Protein backbone atom coordinates (compact mmCIF):
# COMPACT_ATOMS: atom_id res chain seq x y z
CA MET A 1 102.28 123.63 94.07
CA SER A 2 105.90 122.44 94.35
CA MET A 3 107.30 121.73 97.81
CA THR A 4 110.89 122.24 98.92
CA ALA A 5 112.95 120.63 101.66
CA VAL A 6 116.32 121.25 103.28
CA CYS A 7 118.16 118.36 104.93
CA LEU A 8 121.07 119.22 107.23
CA GLY A 9 123.69 116.83 108.56
CA GLU A 10 126.99 115.06 107.97
CA THR A 11 127.71 112.73 105.07
CA MET A 12 130.87 110.66 105.15
CA ALA A 13 132.90 108.75 102.64
CA MET A 14 132.38 105.00 103.05
CA ILE A 15 134.79 102.19 102.33
CA THR A 16 134.00 98.50 102.58
CA PRO A 17 135.64 95.21 101.62
CA GLY A 18 133.94 93.02 99.04
CA GLN A 19 131.12 90.77 100.18
CA GLY A 20 132.41 87.74 102.04
CA THR A 21 135.86 89.24 102.67
CA SER A 22 137.14 90.36 106.05
CA LEU A 23 138.65 93.81 106.43
CA ALA A 24 141.98 92.27 107.41
CA ASP A 25 142.13 90.08 104.28
CA ALA A 26 140.66 92.48 101.72
CA GLY A 27 142.89 93.21 98.76
CA ARG A 28 140.59 95.98 97.58
CA LEU A 29 138.11 98.30 99.20
CA GLU A 30 134.99 99.69 97.56
CA LEU A 31 134.33 103.43 97.89
CA GLY A 32 130.94 105.03 98.43
CA SER A 33 129.30 107.55 100.73
CA GLY A 34 126.63 107.60 103.37
CA GLY A 35 124.78 109.94 105.69
CA ALA A 36 121.30 109.80 107.19
CA GLU A 37 120.21 113.28 106.16
CA SER A 38 121.63 113.08 102.63
CA ASN A 39 119.94 109.69 102.22
CA VAL A 40 116.65 111.38 103.09
CA ALA A 41 117.47 114.21 100.67
CA LEU A 42 118.07 111.74 97.84
CA GLY A 43 114.85 109.91 98.69
CA LEU A 44 112.80 113.11 98.71
CA ALA A 45 114.33 114.21 95.40
CA ALA A 46 113.45 110.86 93.85
CA MET A 47 109.84 111.47 94.90
CA GLY A 48 109.70 114.82 93.15
CA VAL A 49 110.39 117.13 96.08
CA GLY A 50 112.79 119.99 95.42
CA THR A 51 115.50 119.15 97.94
CA HIS A 52 118.74 120.72 99.14
CA TRP A 53 121.46 119.38 101.42
CA VAL A 54 123.27 121.70 103.84
CA SER A 55 126.54 120.64 105.42
CA ARG A 56 130.31 120.93 105.32
CA VAL A 57 132.81 118.62 103.61
CA GLY A 58 136.57 118.66 103.32
CA ARG A 59 138.16 120.18 100.28
CA ASP A 60 139.29 116.72 99.25
CA GLY A 61 138.39 113.93 96.85
CA PHE A 62 135.92 112.39 99.29
CA GLY A 63 134.03 115.66 99.61
CA ALA A 64 134.01 116.19 95.84
CA ARG A 65 132.63 112.68 95.32
CA ILE A 66 129.82 113.27 97.81
CA LEU A 67 128.81 116.50 96.10
CA THR A 68 128.82 114.80 92.71
CA GLU A 69 126.66 111.91 93.92
CA LEU A 70 124.10 114.25 95.47
CA THR A 71 124.00 116.49 92.42
CA GLN A 72 123.47 113.47 90.17
CA GLY A 73 120.63 112.42 92.48
CA GLY A 74 118.85 115.72 91.96
CA VAL A 75 119.79 117.29 95.30
CA GLY A 76 120.95 120.92 95.47
CA VAL A 77 124.31 121.47 97.14
CA GLU A 78 124.74 125.25 97.04
CA GLY A 79 124.38 125.28 100.84
CA VAL A 80 127.48 123.09 101.30
CA GLU A 81 130.77 124.62 102.41
CA ALA A 82 134.16 123.03 101.58
CA ASP A 83 136.64 123.27 104.45
CA PRO A 84 140.28 123.71 103.36
CA SER A 85 141.76 122.36 106.59
CA ARG A 86 139.36 119.75 108.02
CA PRO A 87 138.76 116.44 106.22
CA THR A 88 135.55 114.79 105.10
CA GLY A 89 134.46 112.20 107.66
CA LEU A 90 135.05 108.52 106.91
CA TYR A 91 133.47 105.28 107.98
CA VAL A 92 134.26 101.65 107.26
CA LYS A 93 131.37 99.29 106.70
CA VAL A 94 132.51 95.79 107.65
CA PRO A 95 130.21 93.00 106.37
CA ALA A 96 129.46 89.90 108.40
CA HIS A 97 132.24 87.34 107.96
CA GLY A 98 133.22 84.02 109.49
CA GLY A 99 130.59 84.17 112.22
CA SER A 100 131.36 87.78 113.11
CA PRO A 101 128.41 90.18 112.79
CA ALA A 102 128.46 93.20 110.50
CA SER A 103 129.96 96.29 112.08
CA VAL A 104 130.86 99.92 111.37
CA LEU A 105 134.06 101.81 112.19
CA TYR A 106 133.82 105.62 112.35
CA TYR A 107 136.60 108.11 111.65
CA ARG A 108 134.75 111.40 111.99
CA ARG A 109 136.34 113.22 114.95
CA GLY A 110 137.51 116.63 113.78
CA SER A 111 135.70 116.31 110.45
CA ALA A 112 134.59 119.31 108.42
CA ALA A 113 130.95 118.69 109.33
CA SER A 114 131.71 118.54 113.04
CA ALA A 115 132.66 122.25 112.80
CA MET A 116 129.12 123.27 111.78
CA GLY A 117 127.79 125.87 114.20
CA PRO A 118 125.10 128.55 114.48
CA ASP A 119 127.14 130.83 112.22
CA LEU A 120 126.22 128.50 109.35
CA LEU A 121 122.71 129.95 109.44
CA GLY A 122 124.05 133.39 108.57
CA ARG A 123 125.67 132.33 105.32
CA PRO A 124 123.63 133.89 102.49
CA ALA A 125 123.18 130.63 100.55
CA VAL A 126 121.99 128.73 103.63
CA ALA A 127 119.78 131.56 104.89
CA GLY A 128 118.09 131.77 101.49
CA LEU A 129 117.43 128.03 101.35
CA LEU A 130 115.99 127.95 104.86
CA ALA A 131 113.76 130.94 104.16
CA ARG A 132 112.18 129.18 101.18
CA ALA A 133 111.92 125.65 102.61
CA ASP A 134 108.57 124.08 103.43
CA LEU A 135 110.37 121.41 105.48
CA VAL A 136 113.70 121.34 107.32
CA HIS A 137 114.91 117.83 108.19
CA LEU A 138 117.34 117.22 111.06
CA SER A 139 118.56 114.23 113.03
CA GLY A 140 119.94 113.38 116.43
CA ILE A 141 123.25 112.34 114.89
CA THR A 142 124.24 115.97 114.34
CA ALA A 143 123.64 116.85 118.00
CA ALA A 144 126.29 114.33 119.08
CA LEU A 145 129.06 115.40 116.69
CA SER A 146 130.27 118.43 118.66
CA GLU A 147 129.16 121.24 120.95
CA GLU A 148 129.07 123.50 117.89
CA CYS A 149 126.73 121.11 116.08
CA LEU A 150 124.46 120.89 119.12
CA ALA A 151 124.32 124.69 119.26
CA LEU A 152 123.42 124.73 115.56
CA LEU A 153 120.43 122.42 116.10
CA GLU A 154 119.29 124.45 119.11
CA ALA A 155 119.45 127.62 117.01
CA LEU A 156 117.57 126.02 114.12
CA LEU A 157 114.84 124.66 116.36
CA GLY A 158 114.52 128.01 118.12
CA ARG A 159 113.89 130.01 114.94
CA PRO A 160 110.39 131.34 114.15
CA ARG A 161 109.13 129.03 111.42
CA GLY A 162 105.64 130.17 110.49
CA SER A 163 104.14 127.52 108.21
CA GLN A 164 107.49 125.80 107.78
CA ARG A 165 107.76 122.39 109.44
CA VAL A 166 110.81 120.83 111.07
CA SER A 167 111.20 117.06 111.16
CA PHE A 168 113.61 115.34 113.55
CA ASP A 169 114.71 111.73 113.16
CA VAL A 170 116.22 110.52 116.44
CA ASN A 171 118.66 108.19 114.60
CA TRP A 172 120.18 106.75 117.78
CA ARG A 173 123.90 105.95 117.42
CA ALA A 174 125.24 104.46 120.65
CA PRO A 175 128.96 105.13 120.00
CA LEU A 176 128.28 108.84 119.43
CA TRP A 177 126.44 109.21 122.74
CA ALA A 178 128.91 107.36 124.95
CA GLY A 179 129.63 109.61 127.92
CA LYS A 180 127.26 112.33 126.69
CA ASP A 181 123.98 113.59 128.15
CA ARG A 182 121.35 111.90 126.00
CA SER A 183 118.54 113.91 127.59
CA VAL A 184 119.27 116.65 125.04
CA LEU A 185 117.78 114.33 122.40
CA ARG A 186 114.39 114.50 124.08
CA GLU A 187 114.64 118.27 124.44
CA LEU A 188 115.52 118.72 120.76
CA ALA A 189 112.89 116.27 119.53
CA ASN A 190 110.19 118.00 121.55
CA ARG A 191 110.87 121.26 119.72
CA ALA A 192 110.26 119.72 116.28
CA ASP A 193 106.95 119.46 114.45
CA ILE A 194 107.45 115.87 113.28
CA VAL A 195 109.49 113.28 115.18
CA LEU A 196 110.53 109.92 113.75
CA VAL A 197 111.91 107.26 116.07
CA GLY A 198 112.26 103.49 116.12
CA ARG A 199 110.72 101.75 119.10
CA ASP A 200 114.12 100.23 119.88
CA GLU A 201 115.79 103.64 119.54
CA ALA A 202 113.29 105.18 121.94
CA GLU A 203 114.30 102.63 124.57
CA HIS A 204 117.87 103.96 124.45
CA ALA A 205 117.19 107.65 123.82
CA PHE A 206 114.12 108.18 126.01
CA GLY A 207 114.17 105.19 128.35
CA THR A 208 110.92 103.69 127.05
CA GLY A 209 109.48 102.09 123.95
CA ASP A 210 105.88 102.46 125.09
CA GLU A 211 104.01 104.75 122.70
CA ALA A 212 101.89 106.40 125.38
CA GLU A 213 105.00 107.17 127.44
CA ILE A 214 106.85 108.47 124.36
CA ARG A 215 103.94 110.77 123.58
CA ALA A 216 103.92 112.00 127.19
CA LEU A 217 107.67 112.70 127.06
CA LEU A 218 107.23 114.60 123.78
CA PRO A 219 103.98 116.56 124.18
CA ASP A 220 104.69 119.38 121.71
CA PRO A 221 105.33 117.85 118.24
CA ALA A 222 102.30 117.78 115.94
CA VAL A 223 103.00 114.12 115.14
CA ILE A 224 105.31 111.39 116.38
CA VAL A 225 105.99 108.46 114.08
CA ILE A 226 107.11 105.29 115.85
CA LYS A 227 108.73 102.67 113.63
CA ASN A 228 108.13 99.20 115.02
CA GLU A 229 110.74 97.40 112.90
CA ALA A 230 109.17 94.81 110.57
CA VAL A 231 105.78 95.01 112.28
CA SER A 232 104.25 98.42 111.63
CA ALA A 233 104.60 102.19 111.83
CA ILE A 234 102.41 104.31 114.08
CA ALA A 235 101.59 108.01 113.78
CA LEU A 236 100.51 109.70 117.01
CA GLU A 237 98.96 113.06 116.20
CA ARG A 238 98.78 115.66 118.96
CA ASP A 239 95.39 116.87 117.79
CA GLY A 240 94.20 113.83 115.89
CA PRO A 241 93.77 110.07 115.92
CA ARG A 242 96.31 107.28 116.18
CA SER A 243 97.14 105.73 112.80
CA GLU A 244 98.92 102.41 112.33
CA VAL A 245 99.99 100.77 109.08
CA ARG A 246 101.54 97.32 109.01
CA ALA A 247 104.90 96.85 107.28
CA LEU A 248 105.07 95.09 103.95
CA ALA A 249 106.43 91.56 103.79
CA VAL A 250 109.98 91.91 102.46
CA GLU A 251 112.75 89.48 101.49
CA VAL A 252 115.55 91.46 103.12
CA VAL A 253 118.95 91.72 101.45
CA GLU A 254 120.41 94.39 103.76
CA PRO A 255 118.76 96.69 106.32
CA VAL A 256 121.14 99.66 106.03
CA GLY A 257 119.39 102.84 104.93
CA ALA A 258 115.83 101.54 105.29
CA GLY A 259 115.01 103.96 108.10
CA ASP A 260 116.14 106.93 106.02
CA SER A 261 114.10 105.70 103.07
CA PHE A 262 111.06 105.35 105.31
CA ALA A 263 111.57 108.93 106.50
CA ALA A 264 111.79 110.20 102.91
CA GLY A 265 108.67 108.31 101.86
CA TYR A 266 106.65 109.45 104.85
CA LEU A 267 107.78 113.08 104.67
CA SER A 268 107.06 113.25 100.94
CA GLY A 269 103.47 112.31 101.73
CA VAL A 270 103.25 114.97 104.43
CA LEU A 271 104.56 117.61 102.01
CA MET A 272 101.97 116.54 99.44
CA GLY A 273 99.21 117.01 101.99
CA LEU A 274 98.34 113.32 102.16
CA ASP A 275 96.72 111.74 105.19
CA GLN A 276 98.71 109.84 107.80
CA ARG A 277 97.73 106.40 106.52
CA THR A 278 98.89 107.14 102.97
CA SER A 279 102.06 108.87 104.17
CA LEU A 280 102.93 105.85 106.34
CA ARG A 281 102.34 103.58 103.35
CA ARG A 282 104.71 105.70 101.26
CA GLY A 283 107.28 105.26 104.00
CA HIS A 284 106.88 101.49 104.04
CA ILE A 285 107.17 101.25 100.24
CA ALA A 286 110.35 103.32 100.16
CA ALA A 287 111.85 101.29 103.02
CA ALA A 288 110.96 98.01 101.31
CA CYS A 289 112.73 99.10 98.12
CA THR A 290 115.90 99.75 100.13
CA LEU A 291 115.67 96.52 102.14
CA THR A 292 115.83 94.49 98.93
CA VAL A 293 119.14 95.95 97.67
CA SER A 294 122.68 95.97 99.09
CA GLY A 295 123.08 99.76 98.92
CA ASP A 296 121.77 102.55 101.13
CA ARG A 297 118.80 103.38 98.87
CA GLY A 298 116.71 101.27 96.52
CA ALA A 299 114.95 102.59 93.42
CA LEU A 300 111.24 103.29 93.77
CA PRO A 301 108.72 101.47 91.59
CA PRO A 302 107.39 103.33 88.53
CA PRO A 303 104.72 105.95 89.44
CA PRO A 304 101.78 103.85 88.13
CA VAL A 305 102.86 100.93 90.30
CA LEU A 306 103.46 103.17 93.31
CA ASP A 307 99.95 104.61 92.94
CA ARG A 308 98.49 101.13 92.53
CA VAL A 309 100.14 99.76 95.69
CA LEU A 310 99.19 102.86 97.68
CA ALA A 311 95.54 102.36 96.65
CA TYR A 312 95.36 98.71 97.74
CA SER A 313 92.73 97.72 100.26
CA ASP A 314 94.01 96.61 103.66
CA GLU A 315 93.69 93.01 102.44
CA GLY A 316 95.67 93.70 99.26
CA TRP A 317 98.35 95.52 101.26
CA LYS A 318 98.57 92.59 103.68
CA ARG A 319 99.12 90.16 100.80
CA THR A 320 101.85 92.21 99.10
CA THR A 321 105.42 90.91 99.12
CA VAL A 322 108.51 92.84 98.05
CA THR A 323 111.63 91.13 96.69
CA SER A 324 114.55 92.20 94.53
CA ALA A 325 112.30 91.38 91.56
CA GLY A 326 109.63 93.88 92.59
CA PHE A 327 106.18 93.96 94.21
CA SER A 328 103.81 91.00 94.00
CA THR A 329 100.34 90.61 95.47
CA ALA A 330 98.57 87.30 95.95
CA LEU A 331 94.87 88.14 95.96
CA PRO A 332 92.22 85.70 97.23
CA HIS A 333 91.49 82.87 94.76
CA GLN A 334 94.42 83.94 92.56
CA GLY A 335 98.06 83.11 92.27
CA PRO A 336 100.78 85.71 92.80
CA ALA A 337 100.37 88.62 90.38
CA LEU A 338 103.62 90.47 89.71
CA ALA A 339 102.94 94.17 90.07
CA ALA A 340 106.32 95.55 89.02
CA ARG A 341 109.95 94.88 88.43
CA ARG A 342 112.68 97.33 89.26
């Protein structure tokens, strides 16, 4: 049976100077796009889930480019509205240079997506998508964009959902929450069925990174997934056991987008009815593929290789390394055996 998902949130145009060039000295800027929820949508689509993205963009070239990229990635965009007066949001990704760390500059105030409100749910295209979705994916970023966006999330999380599940990735962004009441993040997360949060994010958003305290602060979700950076991921089920899967060893090229890829991998497993251990492994594999490329999302290994890595014993999983060349596993008494190249 095919599963469907709807991901809702802002995607912005992205510009960045070439690698090794400062923003001040760049003669040219590269153009792309990026958004947490659309990254998850692309990841889910790549894993065979019928996925749609719901949002607003400006009626401009940036918005048209975003829609084209998502459509080419297999994501439905009929739930996207083009605003004739508000622009598509923009951010500048500044790479590390001359001893200065990498940074991001946001230009999203007054963007088309920041005008999303509860009325969006009444649009026929959006209402139809939500009615058919097995999963609705949201993030804490949207809640911080505007009062209208916060009201939209509250309305979505307050709807009767039957067998539909709502996932909520905290996605802490400090600049967005400056001067705002961050306690709304806990209130929103507690109304979801699945919560994803990094241990470091939980420190900022909830005031603690302790898993028992996080679970106590969020008693209602069916499962809370705590991402412990390069160490492991932990699933805390409300009515089930604690599951922990160690992260794969990865030669990291760039960390941007890995959290969204993990979310897509994990949620695809949940939609397929897989157990927590296998779903967490799917998340780690997807994240590893993104960590080894310079873009926001790395290509998954071919299905036979994905199935093979998922089926590894704990020892085989422990001995697996992921690089830009692919997955390799050094088994006892053997040399490294290359499992796949991407």
